[in-house]
């Protein structure tokens, strides 16, 4: 098909990893929101992506600005929208 489409993923359905993932990039910002932390990633392709992680009592999110990261997305987490 020659039609274009947009793929969307809710931020809580993506997982940030220190190794390879489905997408790769660099942590641009880490924002603490009480129960959650939003990690903003500048993808190698140029787009921005936000991953939301639930906070725990025992540890921070484990990522800092400048870290090279991968983003893993489960097959059931992505939705395709036709443009």
PDB file of N, CA and C in Angstrom:
ATOM      1  N   UNK A   1       0.831  -1.203   0.000  1.00  0.00           N
ATOM      2  CA  UNK A   1       0.000   0.000   0.000  1.00  0.00           C
ATOM      3  C   UNK A   1       0.865   1.252   0.000  1.00  0.00           C
ATOM      4  N   UNK A   2       0.369   2.263  -0.682  1.00  0.00           N
ATOM      5  CA  UNK A   2       1.112   3.517  -0.771  1.00  0.00           C
ATOM      6  C   UNK A   2       0.539   4.589   0.142  1.00  0.00           C
ATOM      7  N   UNK A   3      -0.502   4.265   0.888  1.00  0.00           N
ATOM      8  CA  UNK A   3      -1.074   5.227   1.821  1.00  0.00           C
ATOM      9  C   UNK A   3      -0.126   5.434   2.990  1.00  0.00           C
ATOM     10  N   UNK A   4      -0.126   6.653   3.527  1.00  0.00           N
ATOM     11  CA  UNK A   4       0.690   6.907   4.718  1.00  0.00           C
ATOM     12  C   UNK A   4      -0.155   6.665   5.962  1.00  0.00           C
ATOM     13  N   UNK A   5       0.527   6.431   7.064  1.00  0.00           N
ATOM     14  CA  UNK A   5      -0.152   6.151   8.327  1.00  0.00           C
ATOM     15  C   UNK A   5       0.681   6.697   9.476  1.00  0.00           C
ATOM     16  N   UNK A   6       0.038   6.862  10.605  1.00  0.00           N
ATOM     17  CA  UNK A   6       0.703   7.288  11.828  1.00  0.00           C
ATOM     18  C   UNK A   6       0.567   6.163  12.845  1.00  0.00           C
ATOM     19  N   UNK A   7       1.659   5.839  13.515  1.00  0.00           N
ATOM     20  CA  UNK A   7       1.635   4.818  14.561  1.00  0.00           C
ATOM     21  C   UNK A   7       1.647   5.533  15.905  1.00  0.00           C
ATOM     22  N   UNK A   8       0.702   5.195  16.776  1.00  0.00           N
ATOM     23  CA  UNK A   8       0.628   5.822  18.096  1.00  0.00           C
ATOM     24  C   UNK A   8       0.789   4.762  19.183  1.00  0.00           C
ATOM     25  N   UNK A   9       1.448   5.175  20.258  1.00  0.00           N
ATOM     26  CA  UNK A   9       1.679   4.304  21.414  1.00  0.00           C
ATOM     27  C   UNK A   9       1.469   5.145  22.662  1.00  0.00           C
ATOM     28  N   UNK A  10       0.653   4.680  23.576  1.00  0.00           N
ATOM     29  CA  UNK A  10       0.484   5.401  24.843  1.00  0.00           C
ATOM     30  C   UNK A  10       1.795   5.325  25.620  1.00  0.00           C
ATOM     31  N   UNK A  11       2.204   6.422  26.288  1.00  0.00           N
ATOM     32  CA  UNK A  11       3.507   6.464  26.955  1.00  0.00           C
ATOM     33  C   UNK A  11       3.714   5.392  28.018  1.00  0.00           C
ATOM     34  N   UNK A  12       2.637   4.937  28.646  1.00  0.00           N
ATOM     35  CA  UNK A  12       2.782   3.911  29.685  1.00  0.00           C
ATOM     36  C   UNK A  12       2.915   2.510  29.093  1.00  0.00           C
ATOM     37  N   UNK A  13       2.720   2.356  27.783  1.00  0.00           N
ATOM     38  CA  UNK A  13       2.852   1.052  27.133  1.00  0.00           C
ATOM     39  C   UNK A  13       4.221   0.843  26.500  1.00  0.00           C
ATOM     40  N   UNK A  14       5.102   1.818  26.631  1.00  0.00           N
ATOM     41  CA  UNK A  14       6.466   1.699  26.120  1.00  0.00           C
ATOM     42  C   UNK A  14       7.402   1.481  27.308  1.00  0.00           C
ATOM     43  N   UNK A  15       8.470   0.747  27.074  1.00  0.00           N
ATOM     44  CA  UNK A  15       9.429   0.472  28.151  1.00  0.00           C
ATOM     45  C   UNK A  15      10.809   0.955  27.726  1.00  0.00           C
ATOM     46  N   UNK A  16      11.431   1.730  28.599  1.00  0.00           N
ATOM     47  CA  UNK A  16      12.779   2.227  28.351  1.00  0.00           C
ATOM     48  C   UNK A  16      13.788   1.180  28.788  1.00  0.00           C
ATOM     49  N   UNK A  17      14.776   0.924  27.935  1.00  0.00           N
ATOM     50  CA  UNK A  17      15.800  -0.077  28.236  1.00  0.00           C
ATOM     51  C   UNK A  17      17.179   0.510  27.965  1.00  0.00           C
ATOM     52  N   UNK A  18      18.181  -0.025  28.658  1.00  0.00           N
ATOM     53  CA  UNK A  18      19.545   0.469  28.474  1.00  0.00           C
ATOM     54  C   UNK A  18      20.221  -0.131  27.249  1.00  0.00           C
ATOM     55  N   UNK A  19      19.666  -1.198  26.712  1.00  0.00           N
ATOM     56  CA  UNK A  19      20.220  -1.823  25.512  1.00  0.00           C
ATOM     57  C   UNK A  19      19.415  -1.436  24.283  1.00  0.00           C
ATOM     58  N   UNK A  20      19.377  -2.341  23.325  1.00  0.00           N
ATOM     59  CA  UNK A  20      18.629  -2.103  22.097  1.00  0.00           C
ATOM     60  C   UNK A  20      17.136  -2.300  22.329  1.00  0.00           C
ATOM     61  N   UNK A  21      16.350  -1.516  21.604  1.00  0.00           N
ATOM     62  CA  UNK A  21      14.904  -1.638  21.644  1.00  0.00           C
ATOM     63  C   UNK A  21      14.352  -1.519  20.236  1.00  0.00           C
ATOM     64  N   UNK A  22      13.047  -1.358  20.137  1.00  0.00           N
ATOM     65  CA  UNK A  22      12.417  -1.161  18.831  1.00  0.00           C
ATOM     66  C   UNK A  22      12.780   0.197  18.246  1.00  0.00           C
ATOM     67  N   UNK A  23      12.991   1.171  19.125  1.00  0.00           N
ATOM     68  CA  UNK A  23      13.434   2.518  18.754  1.00  0.00           C
ATOM     69  C   UNK A  23      14.666   2.837  19.584  1.00  0.00           C
ATOM     70  N   UNK A  24      15.472   3.785  19.126  1.00  0.00           N
ATOM     71  CA  UNK A  24      16.638   4.181  19.923  1.00  0.00           C
ATOM     72  C   UNK A  24      16.765   5.695  19.917  1.00  0.00           C
ATOM     73  N   UNK A  25      17.368   6.210  20.983  1.00  0.00           N
ATOM     74  CA  UNK A  25      17.535   7.649  21.097  1.00  0.00           C
ATOM     75  C   UNK A  25      18.328   8.016  22.329  1.00  0.00           C
ATOM     76  N   UNK A  26      18.196   9.297  22.717  1.00  0.00           N
ATOM     77  CA  UNK A  26      18.928   9.857  23.848  1.00  0.00           C
ATOM     78  C   UNK A  26      17.945  10.535  24.788  1.00  0.00           C
ATOM     79  N   UNK A  27      18.105  10.320  26.094  1.00  0.00           N
ATOM     80  CA  UNK A  27      17.236  10.969  27.074  1.00  0.00           C
ATOM     81  C   UNK A  27      17.474  12.477  27.017  1.00  0.00           C
ATOM     82  N   UNK A  28      16.398  13.227  26.755  1.00  0.00           N
ATOM     83  CA  UNK A  28      16.480  14.683  26.652  1.00  0.00           C
ATOM     84  C   UNK A  28      16.045  15.372  27.940  1.00  0.00           C
ATOM     85  N   UNK A  29      15.128  14.741  28.691  1.00  0.00           N
ATOM     86  CA  UNK A  29      14.622  15.355  29.914  1.00  0.00           C
ATOM     87  C   UNK A  29      13.958  14.275  30.760  1.00  0.00           C
ATOM     88  N   UNK A  30      14.022  14.438  32.069  1.00  0.00           N
ATOM     89  CA  UNK A  30      13.365  13.538  33.012  1.00  0.00           C
ATOM     90  C   UNK A  30      12.526  14.410  33.935  1.00  0.00           C
ATOM     91  N   UNK A  31      11.205  14.157  33.966  1.00  0.00           N
ATOM     92  CA  UNK A  31      10.294  14.991  34.746  1.00  0.00           C
ATOM     93  C   UNK A  31       9.547  14.117  35.746  1.00  0.00           C
ATOM     94  N   UNK A  32       9.706  14.429  37.030  1.00  0.00           N
ATOM     95  CA  UNK A  32       9.040  13.714  38.116  1.00  0.00           C
ATOM     96  C   UNK A  32       7.640  14.285  38.295  1.00  0.00           C
ATOM     97  N   UNK A  33       6.612  13.419  38.318  1.00  0.00           N
ATOM     98  CA  UNK A  33       5.222  13.837  38.472  1.00  0.00           C
ATOM     99  C   UNK A  33       4.550  13.147  39.652  1.00  0.00           C
ATOM    100  N   UNK A  34       5.231  12.968  40.767  1.00  0.00           N
ATOM    101  CA  UNK A  34       4.627  12.312  41.930  1.00  0.00           C
ATOM    102  C   UNK A  34       4.615  10.804  41.782  1.00  0.00           C
ATOM    103  N   UNK A  35       3.522  10.260  41.265  1.00  0.00           N
ATOM    104  CA  UNK A  35       3.430   8.808  41.109  1.00  0.00           C
ATOM    105  C   UNK A  35       4.143   8.294  39.867  1.00  0.00           C
ATOM    106  N   UNK A  36       4.422   9.180  38.922  1.00  0.00           N
ATOM    107  CA  UNK A  36       5.041   8.790  37.655  1.00  0.00           C
ATOM    108  C   UNK A  36       6.249   9.669  37.349  1.00  0.00           C
ATOM    109  N   UNK A  37       7.105   9.162  36.480  1.00  0.00           N
ATOM    110  CA  UNK A  37       8.179   9.954  35.893  1.00  0.00           C
ATOM    111  C   UNK A  37       8.020   9.874  34.386  1.00  0.00           C
ATOM    112  N   UNK A  38       8.094  11.032  33.721  1.00  0.00           N
ATOM    113  CA  UNK A  38       8.052  11.077  32.263  1.00  0.00           C
ATOM    114  C   UNK A  38       9.477  11.257  31.772  1.00  0.00           C
ATOM    115  N   UNK A  39       9.924  10.345  30.922  1.00  0.00           N
ATOM    116  CA  UNK A  39      11.264  10.424  30.351  1.00  0.00           C
ATOM    117  C   UNK A  39      11.101  10.804  28.887  1.00  0.00           C
ATOM    118  N   UNK A  40      11.594  11.989  28.534  1.00  0.00           N
ATOM    119  CA  UNK A  40      11.498  12.497  27.167  1.00  0.00           C
ATOM    120  C   UNK A  40      12.744  12.058  26.408  1.00  0.00           C
ATOM    121  N   UNK A  41      12.537  11.398  25.277  1.00  0.00           N
ATOM    122  CA  UNK A  41      13.634  10.837  24.487  1.00  0.00           C
ATOM    123  C   UNK A  41      13.650  11.495  23.112  1.00  0.00           C
ATOM    124  N   UNK A  42      14.823  11.947  22.695  1.00  0.00           N
ATOM    125  CA  UNK A  42      15.019  12.411  21.323  1.00  0.00           C
ATOM    126  C   UNK A  42      15.448  11.197  20.514  1.00  0.00           C
ATOM    127  N   UNK A  43      14.589  10.741  19.623  1.00  0.00           N
ATOM    128  CA  UNK A  43      14.887   9.545  18.844  1.00  0.00           C
ATOM    129  C   UNK A  43      15.990   9.818  17.832  1.00  0.00           C
ATOM    130  N   UNK A  44      16.720   8.781  17.469  1.00  0.00           N
ATOM    131  CA  UNK A  44      17.771   8.909  16.458  1.00  0.00           C
ATOM    132  C   UNK A  44      17.208   9.398  15.130  1.00  0.00           C
ATOM    133  N   UNK A  45      15.933   9.129  14.877  1.00  0.00           N
ATOM    134  CA  UNK A  45      15.281   9.550  13.636  1.00  0.00           C
ATOM    135  C   UNK A  45      14.874  11.022  13.653  1.00  0.00           C
ATOM    136  N   UNK A  46      14.999  11.689  14.830  1.00  0.00           N
ATOM    137  CA  UNK A  46      14.675  13.108  14.932  1.00  0.00           C
ATOM    138  C   UNK A  46      13.388  13.411  15.672  1.00  0.00           C
ATOM    139  N   UNK A  47      12.483  12.451  15.772  1.00  0.00           N
ATOM    140  CA  UNK A  47      11.228  12.683  16.477  1.00  0.00           C
ATOM    141  C   UNK A  47      11.429  12.599  17.986  1.00  0.00           C
ATOM    142  N   UNK A  48      10.446  13.117  18.714  1.00  0.00           N
ATOM    143  CA  UNK A  48      10.456  13.039  20.175  1.00  0.00           C
ATOM    144  C   UNK A  48       9.501  11.930  20.610  1.00  0.00           C
ATOM    145  N   UNK A  49       9.808  11.285  21.732  1.00  0.00           N
ATOM    146  CA  UNK A  49       8.981  10.204  22.274  1.00  0.00           C
ATOM    147  C   UNK A  49       9.021  10.328  23.787  1.00  0.00           C
ATOM    148  N   UNK A  50       7.878  10.170  24.440  1.00  0.00           N
ATOM    149  CA  UNK A  50       7.816  10.225  25.896  1.00  0.00           C
ATOM    150  C   UNK A  50       7.435   8.855  26.442  1.00  0.00           C
ATOM    151  N   UNK A  51       8.198   8.395  27.436  1.00  0.00           N
ATOM    152  CA  UNK A  51       7.902   7.137  28.127  1.00  0.00           C
ATOM    153  C   UNK A  51       7.475   7.489  29.546  1.00  0.00           C
ATOM    154  N   UNK A  52       6.380   6.897  30.005  1.00  0.00           N
ATOM    155  CA  UNK A  52       5.910   7.130  31.374  1.00  0.00           C
ATOM    156  C   UNK A  52       6.181   5.889  32.199  1.00  0.00           C
ATOM    157  N   UNK A  53       6.892   6.083  33.322  1.00  0.00           N
ATOM    158  CA  UNK A  53       7.172   4.976  34.238  1.00  0.00           C
ATOM    159  C   UNK A  53       6.564   5.291  35.594  1.00  0.00           C
ATOM    160  N   UNK A  54       5.947   4.291  36.199  1.00  0.00           N
ATOM    161  CA  UNK A  54       5.423   4.459  37.550  1.00  0.00           C
ATOM    162  C   UNK A  54       6.591   4.446  38.527  1.00  0.00           C
ATOM    163  N   UNK A  55       6.580   5.379  39.461  1.00  0.00           N
ATOM    164  CA  UNK A  55       7.647   5.464  40.453  1.00  0.00           C
ATOM    165  C   UNK A  55       7.495   4.388  41.519  1.00  0.00           C
ATOM    166  N   UNK A  56       8.636   3.996  42.081  1.00  0.00           N
ATOM    167  CA  UNK A  56       8.644   3.068  43.208  1.00  0.00           C
ATOM    168  C   UNK A  56       9.289   3.766  44.393  1.00  0.00           C
ATOM    169  N   UNK A  57       9.096   3.219  45.562  1.00  0.00           N
ATOM    170  CA  UNK A  57       9.686   3.817  46.766  1.00  0.00           C
ATOM    171  C   UNK A  57      11.184   3.602  46.851  1.00  0.00           C
ATOM    172  N   UNK A  58      11.679   2.570  46.216  1.00  0.00           N
ATOM    173  CA  UNK A  58      13.067   2.173  46.441  1.00  0.00           C
ATOM    174  C   UNK A  58      14.068   2.737  45.450  1.00  0.00           C
ATOM    175  N   UNK A  59      13.625   3.247  44.318  1.00  0.00           N
ATOM    176  CA  UNK A  59      14.614   3.669  43.321  1.00  0.00           C
ATOM    177  C   UNK A  59      14.067   4.780  42.443  1.00  0.00           C
ATOM    178  N   UNK A  60      14.985   5.518  41.828  1.00  0.00           N
ATOM    179  CA  UNK A  60      14.607   6.500  40.828  1.00  0.00           C
ATOM    180  C   UNK A  60      14.279   5.788  39.527  1.00  0.00           C
ATOM    181  N   UNK A  61      14.156   6.550  38.467  1.00  0.00           N
ATOM    182  CA  UNK A  61      13.772   5.934  37.193  1.00  0.00           C
ATOM    183  C   UNK A  61      14.929   5.196  36.533  1.00  0.00           C
ATOM    184  N   UNK A  62      16.181   5.472  36.958  1.00  0.00           N
ATOM    185  CA  UNK A  62      17.329   4.755  36.420  1.00  0.00           C
ATOM    186  C   UNK A  62      17.920   5.352  35.158  1.00  0.00           C
ATOM    187  N   UNK A  63      17.386   6.491  34.712  1.00  0.00           N
ATOM    188  CA  UNK A  63      17.884   7.131  33.494  1.00  0.00           C
ATOM    189  C   UNK A  63      18.167   8.599  33.761  1.00  0.00           C
ATOM    190  N   UNK A  64      19.193   9.123  33.085  1.00  0.00           N
ATOM    191  CA  UNK A  64      19.576  10.525  33.232  1.00  0.00           C
ATOM    192  C   UNK A  64      19.668  11.170  31.861  1.00  0.00           C
ATOM    193  N   UNK A  65      19.562  12.494  31.837  1.00  0.00           N
ATOM    194  CA  UNK A  65      19.707  13.245  30.595  1.00  0.00           C
ATOM    195  C   UNK A  65      21.043  12.883  29.949  1.00  0.00           C
ATOM    196  N   UNK A  66      21.005  12.597  28.662  1.00  0.00           N
ATOM    197  CA  UNK A  66      22.200  12.230  27.916  1.00  0.00           C
ATOM    198  C   UNK A  66      22.404  10.739  27.742  1.00  0.00           C
ATOM    199  N   UNK A  67      21.668   9.909  28.494  1.00  0.00           N
ATOM    200  CA  UNK A  67      21.800   8.455  28.362  1.00  0.00           C
ATOM    201  C   UNK A  67      21.304   7.988  26.993  1.00  0.00           C
ATOM    202  N   UNK A  68      22.061   7.095  26.364  1.00  0.00           N
ATOM    203  CA  UNK A  68      21.591   6.413  25.160  1.00  0.00           C
ATOM    204  C   UNK A  68      20.652   5.302  25.606  1.00  0.00           C
ATOM    205  N   UNK A  69      19.461   5.231  25.002  1.00  0.00           N
ATOM    206  CA  UNK A  69      18.449   4.273  25.443  1.00  0.00           C
ATOM    207  C   UNK A  69      17.765   3.619  24.249  1.00  0.00           C
ATOM    208  N   UNK A  70      17.123   2.505  24.537  1.00  0.00           N
ATOM    209  CA  UNK A  70      16.226   1.864  23.593  1.00  0.00           C
ATOM    210  C   UNK A  70      14.812   1.951  24.140  1.00  0.00           C
ATOM    211  N   UNK A  71      13.839   1.889  23.265  1.00  0.00           N
ATOM    212  CA  UNK A  71      12.435   1.877  23.667  1.00  0.00           C
ATOM    213  C   UNK A  71      11.819   0.607  23.104  1.00  0.00           C
ATOM    214  N   UNK A  72      11.287  -0.224  23.992  1.00  0.00           N
ATOM    215  CA  UNK A  72      10.626  -1.462  23.578  1.00  0.00           C
ATOM    216  C   UNK A  72       9.119  -1.248  23.583  1.00  0.00           C
ATOM    217  N   UNK A  73       8.486  -1.698  22.521  1.00  0.00           N
ATOM    218  CA  UNK A  73       7.040  -1.534  22.368  1.00  0.00           C
ATOM    219  C   UNK A  73       6.457  -2.896  22.030  1.00  0.00           C
ATOM    220  N   UNK A  74       5.543  -3.370  22.852  1.00  0.00           N
ATOM    221  CA  UNK A  74       4.898  -4.652  22.583  1.00  0.00           C
ATOM    222  C   UNK A  74       4.015  -4.583  21.344  1.00  0.00           C
ATOM    223  N   UNK A  75       3.852  -5.711  20.669  1.00  0.00           N
ATOM    224  CA  UNK A  75       3.037  -5.752  19.452  1.00  0.00           C
ATOM    225  C   UNK A  75       1.607  -5.284  19.678  1.00  0.00           C
ATOM    226  N   UNK A  76       1.075  -5.508  20.866  1.00  0.00           N
ATOM    227  CA  UNK A  76      -0.299  -5.115  21.146  1.00  0.00           C
ATOM    228  C   UNK A  76      -0.415  -3.675  21.636  1.00  0.00           C
ATOM    229  N   UNK A  77       0.700  -2.953  21.769  1.00  0.00           N
ATOM    230  CA  UNK A  77       0.677  -1.595  22.304  1.00  0.00           C
ATOM    231  C   UNK A  77       0.539  -0.529  21.223  1.00  0.00           C
ATOM    232  N   UNK A  78       0.912  -0.832  19.997  1.00  0.00           N
ATOM    233  CA  UNK A  78       0.884   0.157  18.920  1.00  0.00           C
ATOM    234  C   UNK A  78      -0.455   0.120  18.188  1.00  0.00           C
ATOM    235  N   UNK A  79      -0.922   1.305  17.805  1.00  0.00           N
ATOM    236  CA  UNK A  79      -2.126   1.414  16.987  1.00  0.00           C
ATOM    237  C   UNK A  79      -1.767   2.191  15.728  1.00  0.00           C
ATOM    238  N   UNK A  80      -2.272   1.746  14.604  1.00  0.00           N
ATOM    239  CA  UNK A  80      -1.995   2.397  13.327  1.00  0.00           C
ATOM    240  C   UNK A  80      -3.213   3.222  12.926  1.00  0.00           C
ATOM    241  N   UNK A  81      -2.974   4.507  12.631  1.00  0.00           N
ATOM    242  CA  UNK A  81      -4.024   5.418  12.182  1.00  0.00           C
ATOM    243  C   UNK A  81      -3.720   5.815  10.744  1.00  0.00           C
ATOM    244  N   UNK A  82      -4.650   5.612   9.861  1.00  0.00           N
ATOM    245  CA  UNK A  82      -4.443   6.029   8.473  1.00  0.00           C
ATOM    246  C   UNK A  82      -4.489   7.542   8.391  1.00  0.00           C
ATOM    247  N   UNK A  83      -3.543   8.108   7.663  1.00  0.00           N
ATOM    248  CA  UNK A  83      -3.501   9.572   7.489  1.00  0.00           C
ATOM    249  C   UNK A  83      -4.554  10.027   6.503  1.00  0.00           C
TER     250      UNK A  83
END
